[in-house]
Amino acid sequence: MSIRYTPPTPEDLRNLKIELGYTGEQMASLFGLAGNNQWRKYTGGQEPRAMSLPMLFLAGALLNRTATVDQVFDWCRSVGAVVDPDTDGEQQP
């Protein structure tokens, strides 16, 4: 199964940081980044980096360690990502 994905915007990620009340270092740790300098590359500058789905998924799973995969995808959507499993050609139960 493939997944269509559009990352959250830099503004979405800045809003998440505010919502969580985290520092840049805490956000970097949550997303598996080396530090605040790396986090800022996703939230600003002339050409901010796009957050990958694995990084976003990791953060969602770490914030709710008992969540199902679908619940983590829902969280990804709640912070601004578009996550759409492409089930074309797959049999549905």
PDB file of N, CA and C in Angstrom:
ATOM      1  N   MET A   1       0.850  -1.177   0.000  1.00  0.00           N
ATOM      2  CA  MET A   1       0.000   0.000   0.000  1.00  0.00           C
ATOM      3  C   MET A   1       0.890   1.232   0.000  1.00  0.00           C
ATOM      4  N   SER A   2       0.586   2.143  -0.859  1.00  0.00           N
ATOM      5  CA  SER A   2       1.294   3.418  -0.854  1.00  0.00           C
ATOM      6  C   SER A   2       0.457   4.439  -0.090  1.00  0.00           C
ATOM      7  N   ILE A   3       1.094   5.508   0.299  1.00  0.00           N
ATOM      8  CA  ILE A   3       0.413   6.555   1.056  1.00  0.00           C
ATOM      9  C   ILE A   3       0.691   7.891   0.389  1.00  0.00           C
ATOM     10  N   ARG A   4      -0.365   8.595   0.053  1.00  0.00           N
ATOM     11  CA  ARG A   4      -0.210   9.962  -0.450  1.00  0.00           C
ATOM     12  C   ARG A   4      -0.021  10.867   0.764  1.00  0.00           C
ATOM     13  N   TYR A   5       0.979  11.734   0.689  1.00  0.00           N
ATOM     14  CA  TYR A   5       1.337  12.544   1.850  1.00  0.00           C
ATOM     15  C   TYR A   5       1.699  13.955   1.420  1.00  0.00           C
ATOM     16  N   THR A   6       1.133  14.903   2.126  1.00  0.00           N
ATOM     17  CA  THR A   6       1.517  16.299   2.009  1.00  0.00           C
ATOM     18  C   THR A   6       1.888  16.751   3.415  1.00  0.00           C
ATOM     19  N   PRO A   7       3.098  17.260   3.598  1.00  0.00           N
ATOM     20  CA  PRO A   7       3.540  17.597   4.959  1.00  0.00           C
ATOM     21  C   PRO A   7       2.824  18.814   5.522  1.00  0.00           C
ATOM     22  N   PRO A   8       2.841  18.926   6.844  1.00  0.00           N
ATOM     23  CA  PRO A   8       2.322  20.154   7.456  1.00  0.00           C
ATOM     24  C   PRO A   8       3.197  21.327   7.049  1.00  0.00           C
ATOM     25  N   THR A   9       2.616  22.507   7.042  1.00  0.00           N
ATOM     26  CA  THR A   9       3.366  23.706   6.683  1.00  0.00           C
ATOM     27  C   THR A   9       4.278  24.111   7.838  1.00  0.00           C
ATOM     28  N   PRO A  10       5.262  24.960   7.573  1.00  0.00           N
ATOM     29  CA  PRO A  10       6.075  25.488   8.669  1.00  0.00           C
ATOM     30  C   PRO A  10       5.206  26.153   9.739  1.00  0.00           C
ATOM     31  N   GLU A  11       4.161  26.844   9.316  1.00  0.00           N
ATOM     32  CA  GLU A  11       3.265  27.474  10.289  1.00  0.00           C
ATOM     33  C   GLU A  11       2.556  26.424  11.137  1.00  0.00           C
ATOM     34  N   ASP A  12       2.131  25.324  10.508  1.00  0.00           N
ATOM     35  CA  ASP A  12       1.510  24.230  11.263  1.00  0.00           C
ATOM     36  C   ASP A  12       2.470  23.712  12.338  1.00  0.00           C
ATOM     37  N   LEU A  13       3.736  23.553  11.964  1.00  0.00           N
ATOM     38  CA  LEU A  13       4.725  23.035  12.916  1.00  0.00           C
ATOM     39  C   LEU A  13       5.009  24.042  14.030  1.00  0.00           C
ATOM     40  N   ARG A  14       5.042  25.322  13.694  1.00  0.00           N
ATOM     41  CA  ARG A  14       5.215  26.349  14.728  1.00  0.00           C
ATOM     42  C   ARG A  14       4.028  26.334  15.688  1.00  0.00           C
ATOM     43  N   ASN A  15       2.822  26.172  15.133  1.00  0.00           N
ATOM     44  CA  ASN A  15       1.625  26.110  15.976  1.00  0.00           C
ATOM     45  C   ASN A  15       1.654  24.886  16.884  1.00  0.00           C
ATOM     46  N   LEU A  16       2.144  23.764  16.379  1.00  0.00           N
ATOM     47  CA  LEU A  16       2.256  22.563  17.200  1.00  0.00           C
ATOM     48  C   LEU A  16       3.194  22.806  18.379  1.00  0.00           C
ATOM     49  N   LYS A  17       4.305  23.461  18.112  1.00  0.00           N
ATOM     50  CA  LYS A  17       5.276  23.772  19.174  1.00  0.00           C
ATOM     51  C   LYS A  17       4.606  24.605  20.265  1.00  0.00           C
ATOM     52  N   ILE A  18       3.829  25.599  19.857  1.00  0.00           N
ATOM     53  CA  ILE A  18       3.121  26.450  20.814  1.00  0.00           C
ATOM     54  C   ILE A  18       2.083  25.628  21.581  1.00  0.00           C
ATOM     55  N   GLU A  19       1.325  24.814  20.858  1.00  0.00           N
ATOM     56  CA  GLU A  19       0.283  23.989  21.482  1.00  0.00           C
ATOM     57  C   GLU A  19       0.873  23.052  22.537  1.00  0.00           C
ATOM     58  N   LEU A  20       2.013  22.457  22.217  1.00  0.00           N
ATOM     59  CA  LEU A  20       2.652  21.539  23.156  1.00  0.00           C
ATOM     60  C   LEU A  20       3.366  22.273  24.292  1.00  0.00           C
ATOM     61  N   GLY A  21       3.706  23.546  24.056  1.00  0.00           N
ATOM     62  CA  GLY A  21       4.459  24.302  25.046  1.00  0.00           C
ATOM     63  C   GLY A  21       5.904  23.831  25.157  1.00  0.00           C
ATOM     64  N   TYR A  22       6.434  23.334  24.047  1.00  0.00           N
ATOM     65  CA  TYR A  22       7.787  22.790  24.024  1.00  0.00           C
ATOM     66  C   TYR A  22       8.796  23.846  23.593  1.00  0.00           C
ATOM     67  N   THR A  23      10.027  23.642  24.016  1.00  0.00           N
ATOM     68  CA  THR A  23      11.144  24.440  23.517  1.00  0.00           C
ATOM     69  C   THR A  23      11.569  23.866  22.169  1.00  0.00           C
ATOM     70  N   GLY A  24      12.434  24.596  21.483  1.00  0.00           N
ATOM     71  CA  GLY A  24      12.982  24.084  20.231  1.00  0.00           C
ATOM     72  C   GLY A  24      13.753  22.796  20.440  1.00  0.00           C
ATOM     73  N   GLU A  25      14.474  22.698  21.539  1.00  0.00           N
ATOM     74  CA  GLU A  25      15.228  21.471  21.841  1.00  0.00           C
ATOM     75  C   GLU A  25      14.283  20.299  22.068  1.00  0.00           C
ATOM     76  N   GLN A  26      13.176  20.536  22.767  1.00  0.00           N
ATOM     77  CA  GLN A  26      12.208  19.473  22.995  1.00  0.00           C
ATOM     78  C   GLN A  26      11.555  19.027  21.694  1.00  0.00           C
ATOM     79  N   MET A  27      11.274  19.968  20.819  1.00  0.00           N
ATOM     80  CA  MET A  27      10.698  19.617  19.516  1.00  0.00           C
ATOM     81  C   MET A  27      11.703  18.803  18.705  1.00  0.00           C
ATOM     82  N   ALA A  28      12.944  19.209  18.726  1.00  0.00           N
ATOM     83  CA  ALA A  28      13.983  18.471  18.008  1.00  0.00           C
ATOM     84  C   ALA A  28      14.054  17.033  18.513  1.00  0.00           C
ATOM     85  N   SER A  29      14.027  16.860  19.814  1.00  0.00           N
ATOM     86  CA  SER A  29      14.074  15.526  20.397  1.00  0.00           C
ATOM     87  C   SER A  29      12.856  14.704  19.983  1.00  0.00           C
ATOM     88  N   LEU A  30      11.691  15.307  20.009  1.00  0.00           N
ATOM     89  CA  LEU A  30      10.458  14.626  19.643  1.00  0.00           C
ATOM     90  C   LEU A  30      10.499  14.121  18.199  1.00  0.00           C
ATOM     91  N   PHE A  31      11.106  14.895  17.314  1.00  0.00           N
ATOM     92  CA  PHE A  31      11.149  14.542  15.898  1.00  0.00           C
ATOM     93  C   PHE A  31      12.435  13.808  15.504  1.00  0.00           C
ATOM     94  N   GLY A  32      13.262  13.476  16.477  1.00  0.00           N
ATOM     95  CA  GLY A  32      14.478  12.722  16.191  1.00  0.00           C
ATOM     96  C   GLY A  32      15.552  13.538  15.509  1.00  0.00           C
ATOM     97  N   LEU A  33      15.581  14.840  15.809  1.00  0.00           N
ATOM     98  CA  LEU A  33      16.569  15.744  15.200  1.00  0.00           C
ATOM     99  C   LEU A  33      17.710  16.012  16.174  1.00  0.00           C
ATOM    100  N   ALA A  34      18.829  16.470  15.637  1.00  0.00           N
ATOM    101  CA  ALA A  34      20.028  16.685  16.444  1.00  0.00           C
ATOM    102  C   ALA A  34      19.895  17.845  17.421  1.00  0.00           C
ATOM    103  N   GLY A  35      19.069  18.814  17.139  1.00  0.00           N
ATOM    104  CA  GLY A  35      18.939  19.950  18.050  1.00  0.00           C
ATOM    105  C   GLY A  35      18.048  21.033  17.487  1.00  0.00           C
ATOM    106  N   ASN A  36      17.931  22.114  18.253  1.00  0.00           N
ATOM    107  CA  ASN A  36      17.076  23.236  17.898  1.00  0.00           C
ATOM    108  C   ASN A  36      17.419  23.811  16.524  1.00  0.00           C
ATOM    109  N   ASN A  37      18.699  23.861  16.181  1.00  0.00           N
ATOM    110  CA  ASN A  37      19.091  24.392  14.866  1.00  0.00           C
ATOM    111  C   ASN A  37      18.464  23.579  13.737  1.00  0.00           C
ATOM    112  N   GLN A  38      18.410  22.260  13.922  1.00  0.00           N
ATOM    113  CA  GLN A  38      17.794  21.401  12.900  1.00  0.00           C
ATOM    114  C   GLN A  38      16.278  21.593  12.876  1.00  0.00           C
ATOM    115  N   TRP A  39      15.652  21.722  14.049  1.00  0.00           N
ATOM    116  CA  TRP A  39      14.208  21.957  14.114  1.00  0.00           C
ATOM    117  C   TRP A  39      13.827  23.216  13.347  1.00  0.00           C
ATOM    118  N   ARG A  40      14.606  24.275  13.532  1.00  0.00           N
ATOM    119  CA  ARG A  40      14.289  25.552  12.880  1.00  0.00           C
ATOM    120  C   ARG A  40      14.322  25.453  11.355  1.00  0.00           C
ATOM    121  N   LYS A  41      15.040  24.496  10.812  1.00  0.00           N
ATOM    122  CA  LYS A  41      15.083  24.325   9.357  1.00  0.00           C
ATOM    123  C   LYS A  41      13.729  23.881   8.802  1.00  0.00           C
ATOM    124  N   TYR A  42      12.859  23.364   9.667  1.00  0.00           N
ATOM    125  CA  TYR A  42      11.526  22.935   9.248  1.00  0.00           C
ATOM    126  C   TYR A  42      10.472  24.014   9.475  1.00  0.00           C
ATOM    127  N   THR A  43      10.823  25.043  10.211  1.00  0.00           N
ATOM    128  CA  THR A  43       9.817  26.035  10.604  1.00  0.00           C
ATOM    129  C   THR A  43      10.089  27.442  10.095  1.00  0.00           C
ATOM    130  N   GLY A  44      11.147  27.627   9.327  1.00  0.00           N
ATOM    131  CA  GLY A  44      11.417  28.978   8.853  1.00  0.00           C
ATOM    132  C   GLY A  44      12.486  29.025   7.786  1.00  0.00           C
ATOM    133  N   GLY A  45      12.922  30.234   7.507  1.00  0.00           N
ATOM    134  CA  GLY A  45      13.926  30.450   6.477  1.00  0.00           C
ATOM    135  C   GLY A  45      13.290  30.607   5.106  1.00  0.00           C
ATOM    136  N   GLN A  46      14.132  30.863   4.124  1.00  0.00           N
ATOM    137  CA  GLN A  46      13.647  31.074   2.750  1.00  0.00           C
ATOM    138  C   GLN A  46      13.036  29.810   2.152  1.00  0.00           C
ATOM    139  N   GLU A  47      13.659  28.670   2.409  1.00  0.00           N
ATOM    140  CA  GLU A  47      13.166  27.401   1.878  1.00  0.00           C
ATOM    141  C   GLU A  47      13.148  26.358   2.985  1.00  0.00           C
ATOM    142  N   PRO A  48      12.111  26.394   3.824  1.00  0.00           N
ATOM    143  CA  PRO A  48      12.055  25.421   4.919  1.00  0.00           C
ATOM    144  C   PRO A  48      11.943  23.992   4.397  1.00  0.00           C
ATOM    145  N   ARG A  49      12.518  23.079   5.151  1.00  0.00           N
ATOM    146  CA  ARG A  49      12.440  21.666   4.795  1.00  0.00           C
ATOM    147  C   ARG A  49      11.021  21.155   5.003  1.00  0.00           C
ATOM    148  N   ALA A  50      10.660  20.175   4.207  1.00  0.00           N
ATOM    149  CA  ALA A  50       9.377  19.496   4.387  1.00  0.00           C
ATOM    150  C   ALA A  50       9.558  18.369   5.397  1.00  0.00           C
ATOM    151  N   MET A  51       8.634  18.274   6.334  1.00  0.00           N
ATOM    152  CA  MET A  51       8.678  17.222   7.338  1.00  0.00           C
ATOM    153  C   MET A  51       8.264  15.905   6.686  1.00  0.00           C
ATOM    154  N   SER A  52       9.102  14.892   6.807  1.00  0.00           N
ATOM    155  CA  SER A  52       8.778  13.591   6.217  1.00  0.00           C
ATOM    156  C   SER A  52       7.701  12.893   7.047  1.00  0.00           C
ATOM    157  N   LEU A  53       6.969  12.007   6.407  1.00  0.00           N
ATOM    158  CA  LEU A  53       5.936  11.258   7.112  1.00  0.00           C
ATOM    159  C   LEU A  53       6.539  10.394   8.227  1.00  0.00           C
ATOM    160  N   PRO A  54       7.661   9.701   8.015  1.00  0.00           N
ATOM    161  CA  PRO A  54       8.210   8.922   9.130  1.00  0.00           C
ATOM    162  C   PRO A  54       8.556   9.784  10.352  1.00  0.00           C
ATOM    163  N   MET A  55       9.088  10.971  10.133  1.00  0.00           N
ATOM    164  CA  MET A  55       9.415  11.846  11.262  1.00  0.00           C
ATOM    165  C   MET A  55       8.157  12.314  11.976  1.00  0.00           C
ATOM    166  N   LEU A  56       7.148  12.698  11.202  1.00  0.00           N
ATOM    167  CA  LEU A  56       5.897  13.162  11.788  1.00  0.00           C
ATOM    168  C   LEU A  56       5.211  12.019  12.529  1.00  0.00           C
ATOM    169  N   PHE A  57       5.218  10.841  11.937  1.00  0.00           N
ATOM    170  CA  PHE A  57       4.608   9.677  12.562  1.00  0.00           C
ATOM    171  C   PHE A  57       5.306   9.342  13.880  1.00  0.00           C
ATOM    172  N   LEU A  58       6.635   9.400  13.890  1.00  0.00           N
ATOM    173  CA  LEU A  58       7.389   9.144  15.111  1.00  0.00           C
ATOM    174  C   LEU A  58       6.946  10.080  16.221  1.00  0.00           C
ATOM    175  N   ALA A  59       6.835  11.353  15.921  1.00  0.00           N
ATOM    176  CA  ALA A  59       6.427  12.325  16.932  1.00  0.00           C
ATOM    177  C   ALA A  59       5.037  11.990  17.472  1.00  0.00           C
ATOM    178  N   GLY A  60       4.118  11.676  16.584  1.00  0.00           N
ATOM    179  CA  GLY A  60       2.770  11.333  17.017  1.00  0.00           C
ATOM    180  C   GLY A  60       2.744  10.094  17.885  1.00  0.00           C
ATOM    181  N   ALA A  61       3.534   9.105  17.518  1.00  0.00           N
ATOM    182  CA  ALA A  61       3.588   7.870  18.298  1.00  0.00           C
ATOM    183  C   ALA A  61       4.233   8.109  19.663  1.00  0.00           C
ATOM    184  N   LEU A  62       5.240   8.961  19.715  1.00  0.00           N
ATOM    185  CA  LEU A  62       5.890   9.252  20.997  1.00  0.00           C
ATOM    186  C   LEU A  62       4.970  10.048  21.924  1.00  0.00           C
ATOM    187  N   LEU A  63       4.140  10.889  21.351  1.00  0.00           N
ATOM    188  CA  LEU A  63       3.218  11.670  22.174  1.00  0.00           C
ATOM    189  C   LEU A  63       2.074  10.822  22.723  1.00  0.00           C
ATOM    190  N   ASN A  64       1.750   9.731  22.040  1.00  0.00           N
ATOM    191  CA  ASN A  64       0.690   8.838  22.494  1.00  0.00           C
ATOM    192  C   ASN A  64       1.131   7.405  22.229  1.00  0.00           C
ATOM    193  N   ARG A  65       1.866   6.847  23.160  1.00  0.00           N
ATOM    194  CA  ARG A  65       2.490   5.540  22.959  1.00  0.00           C
ATOM    195  C   ARG A  65       1.518   4.377  22.929  1.00  0.00           C
ATOM    196  N   THR A  66       0.267   4.601  23.278  1.00  0.00           N
ATOM    197  CA  THR A  66      -0.723   3.527  23.207  1.00  0.00           C
ATOM    198  C   THR A  66      -1.628   3.660  21.983  1.00  0.00           C
ATOM    199  N   ALA A  67      -1.360   4.638  21.136  1.00  0.00           N
ATOM    200  CA  ALA A  67      -2.194   4.884  19.959  1.00  0.00           C
ATOM    201  C   ALA A  67      -2.019   3.791  18.916  1.00  0.00           C
ATOM    202  N   THR A  68      -3.089   3.541  18.182  1.00  0.00           N
ATOM    203  CA  THR A  68      -3.012   2.642  17.035  1.00  0.00           C
ATOM    204  C   THR A  68      -2.388   3.411  15.864  1.00  0.00           C
ATOM    205  N   VAL A  69      -2.037   2.703  14.829  1.00  0.00           N
ATOM    206  CA  VAL A  69      -1.498   3.339  13.626  1.00  0.00           C
ATOM    207  C   VAL A  69      -2.496   4.359  13.085  1.00  0.00           C
ATOM    208  N   ASP A  70      -3.768   3.980  13.017  1.00  0.00           N
ATOM    209  CA  ASP A  70      -4.784   4.903  12.506  1.00  0.00           C
ATOM    210  C   ASP A  70      -4.910   6.146  13.380  1.00  0.00           C
ATOM    211  N   GLN A  71      -4.793   5.988  14.685  1.00  0.00           N
ATOM    212  CA  GLN A  71      -4.858   7.141  15.584  1.00  0.00           C
ATOM    213  C   GLN A  71      -3.668   8.072  15.383  1.00  0.00           C
ATOM    214  N   VAL A  72      -2.494   7.501  15.126  1.00  0.00           N
ATOM    215  CA  VAL A  72      -1.321   8.344  14.870  1.00  0.00           C
ATOM    216  C   VAL A  72      -1.493   9.075  13.538  1.00  0.00           C
ATOM    217  N   PHE A  73      -2.021   8.391  12.528  1.00  0.00           N
ATOM    218  CA  PHE A  73      -2.302   9.079  11.260  1.00  0.00           C
ATOM    219  C   PHE A  73      -3.310  10.203  11.467  1.00  0.00           C
ATOM    220  N   ASP A  74      -4.317   9.967  12.293  1.00  0.00           N
ATOM    221  CA  ASP A  74      -5.288  11.025  12.599  1.00  0.00           C
ATOM    222  C   ASP A  74      -4.589  12.209  13.264  1.00  0.00           C
ATOM    223  N   TRP A  75      -3.647  11.937  14.155  1.00  0.00           N
ATOM    224  CA  TRP A  75      -2.896  13.017  14.803  1.00  0.00           C
ATOM    225  C   TRP A  75      -2.091  13.784  13.751  1.00  0.00           C
ATOM    226  N   CYS A  76      -1.456  13.064  12.830  1.00  0.00           N
ATOM    227  CA  CYS A  76      -0.694  13.715  11.754  1.00  0.00           C
ATOM    228  C   CYS A  76      -1.600  14.672  10.981  1.00  0.00           C
ATOM    229  N   ARG A  77      -2.806  14.225  10.696  1.00  0.00           N
ATOM    230  CA  ARG A  77      -3.765  15.080   9.992  1.00  0.00           C
ATOM    231  C   ARG A  77      -4.140  16.294  10.845  1.00  0.00           C
ATOM    232  N   SER A  78      -4.268  16.093  12.148  1.00  0.00           N
ATOM    233  CA  SER A  78      -4.688  17.187  13.027  1.00  0.00           C
ATOM    234  C   SER A  78      -3.653  18.302  13.101  1.00  0.00           C
ATOM    235  N   VAL A  79      -2.401  17.988  12.790  1.00  0.00           N
ATOM    236  CA  VAL A  79      -1.363  19.032  12.816  1.00  0.00           C
ATOM    237  C   VAL A  79      -1.098  19.609  11.428  1.00  0.00           C
ATOM    238  N   GLY A  80      -1.921  19.215  10.435  1.00  0.00           N
ATOM    239  CA  GLY A  80      -1.828  19.858   9.134  1.00  0.00           C
ATOM    240  C   GLY A  80      -1.387  19.000   7.973  1.00  0.00           C
ATOM    241  N   ALA A  81      -1.000  17.760   8.226  1.00  0.00           N
ATOM    242  CA  ALA A  81      -0.571  16.895   7.130  1.00  0.00           C
ATOM    243  C   ALA A  81      -1.783  16.323   6.406  1.00  0.00           C
ATOM    244  N   VAL A  82      -1.572  15.971   5.157  1.00  0.00           N
ATOM    245  CA  VAL A  82      -2.550  15.195   4.408  1.00  0.00           C
ATOM    246  C   VAL A  82      -1.973  13.795   4.306  1.00  0.00           C
ATOM    247  N   VAL A  83      -2.683  12.833   4.865  1.00  0.00           N
ATOM    248  CA  VAL A  83      -2.257  11.439   4.842  1.00  0.00           C
ATOM    249  C   VAL A  83      -3.415  10.638   4.286  1.00  0.00           C
ATOM    250  N   ASP A  84      -3.191  10.067   3.106  1.00  0.00           N
ATOM    251  CA  ASP A  84      -4.261   9.370   2.415  1.00  0.00           C
ATOM    252  C   ASP A  84      -3.738   8.034   1.902  1.00  0.00           C
ATOM    253  N   PRO A  85      -4.043   6.950   2.619  1.00  0.00           N
ATOM    254  CA  PRO A  85      -3.623   5.645   2.103  1.00  0.00           C
ATOM    255  C   PRO A  85      -4.254   5.394   0.745  1.00  0.00           C
ATOM    256  N   ASP A  86      -3.453   4.993  -0.211  1.00  0.00           N
ATOM    257  CA  ASP A  86      -3.918   4.685  -1.559  1.00  0.00           C
ATOM    258  C   ASP A  86      -4.207   3.191  -1.601  1.00  0.00           C
ATOM    259  N   THR A  87      -5.460   2.843  -1.539  1.00  0.00           N
ATOM    260  CA  THR A  87      -5.832   1.435  -1.495  1.00  0.00           C
ATOM    261  C   THR A  87      -6.345   0.935  -2.835  1.00  0.00           C
ATOM    262  N   ASP A  88      -6.084   1.663  -3.920  1.00  0.00           N
ATOM    263  CA  ASP A  88      -6.527   1.232  -5.240  1.00  0.00           C
ATOM    264  C   ASP A  88      -5.999  -0.174  -5.531  1.00  0.00           C
ATOM    265  N   GLY A  89      -6.911  -1.027  -5.923  1.00  0.00           N
ATOM    266  CA  GLY A  89      -6.514  -2.369  -6.310  1.00  0.00           C
ATOM    267  C   GLY A  89      -6.390  -3.332  -5.147  1.00  0.00           C
ATOM    268  N   GLU A  90      -6.531  -2.862  -3.913  1.00  0.00           N
ATOM    269  CA  GLU A  90      -6.454  -3.749  -2.764  1.00  0.00           C
ATOM    270  C   GLU A  90      -7.835  -4.199  -2.379  1.00  0.00           C
ATOM    271  N   GLN A  91      -7.933  -5.414  -1.922  1.00  0.00           N
ATOM    272  CA  GLN A  91      -9.213  -5.920  -1.455  1.00  0.00           C
ATOM    273  C   GLN A  91      -9.509  -5.348  -0.093  1.00  0.00           C
ATOM    274  N   GLN A  92     -10.745  -4.953   0.097  1.00  0.00           N
ATOM    275  CA  GLN A  92     -11.182  -4.436   1.397  1.00  0.00           C
ATOM    276  C   GLN A  92     -11.801  -5.584   2.177  1.00  0.00           C
ATOM    277  N   PRO A  93     -11.587  -5.642   3.491  1.00  0.00           N
ATOM    278  CA  PRO A  93     -12.165  -6.733   4.289  1.00  0.00           C
ATOM    279  C   PRO A  93     -13.676  -6.673   4.322  1.00  0.00           C
TER     280      PRO A  93
END
